[in-house]
């Protein structure tokens, strides 16, 4: 008679799927990569199905792996609910927040304006230039520059972000470009397409690019909510119409009414609405 899959193996599998690679999964689980690899090979053997393709890009799911991943989401949610229930008796609950470079910077810098240590939640900022997976609860709240279309995502448009050109002085002619490993955001692509032949130096971090601009090396494109208050920079253009983008506050539709996440959504939404241009709003 076949035995049921080991619960620990399913948990290990879920962490590998969420992290995308063996090493970070092993660190999170507190086991060695070799041990985790052996467990997954034995798990695949016990199921009689290949779950992963192993290569330079990490652990990629096979079709059977995707099917199992879909079935483990409810287990991860159950584990999360148990954690929230446990933590509710121990104090404020961590809420993981993901945003792009400058919004994450602004949220961290402006934290005292919308959060205090007496709040029922504790912010845990997770900067990333790619969208974190809300379905798998990599994050609880995300700030996005486009409308998400996944059915499990609750979303509300909180305003708009405008971008302009900045430099230390209007006589600066060159531009700061992206290095080869830079995430190609819309503002970076705009610089490449319109001023690629005038790039004088490059950086792979928006913060480094801004520092170079403040040093007088070249021009840079920044969100106006950052550029207008950054010492040492002068605006050299009106807002660039092609780069104007909506800003969406998103969360998992089943988690948005959990008290800590609801409190965080309300606080962050109010703060972002106060500090940036806005046009329209809506929630689904």
Foldseek 3Di string as FASTA:
>chain_A
DQDDQDPVLLVLLLLCVQVVAQVVSCVVVVHDSVVSVVSNVVRCVSVVHDAFDDDPRHTDGDPVVVVSNVVCLVVLVVVVVVVCVVCLVVAAAEFEEEEEDPVLVVCVVCVVVQDDRNASHDYDYDYDPDDRDQSSPPGFKYKDQDDDDDPQKKKKFLFKWFKFKKALDLVADAAEAADPPADDDVQRVVCCVPPVVRHDYYDRDPVVRVVCRLVGNHMGMDTCLPQVPDPSMDTDDDTDPVPMTIIMMMGGNVCCPPVSNVSVSVRSSVVVNVRHHGDDMDID
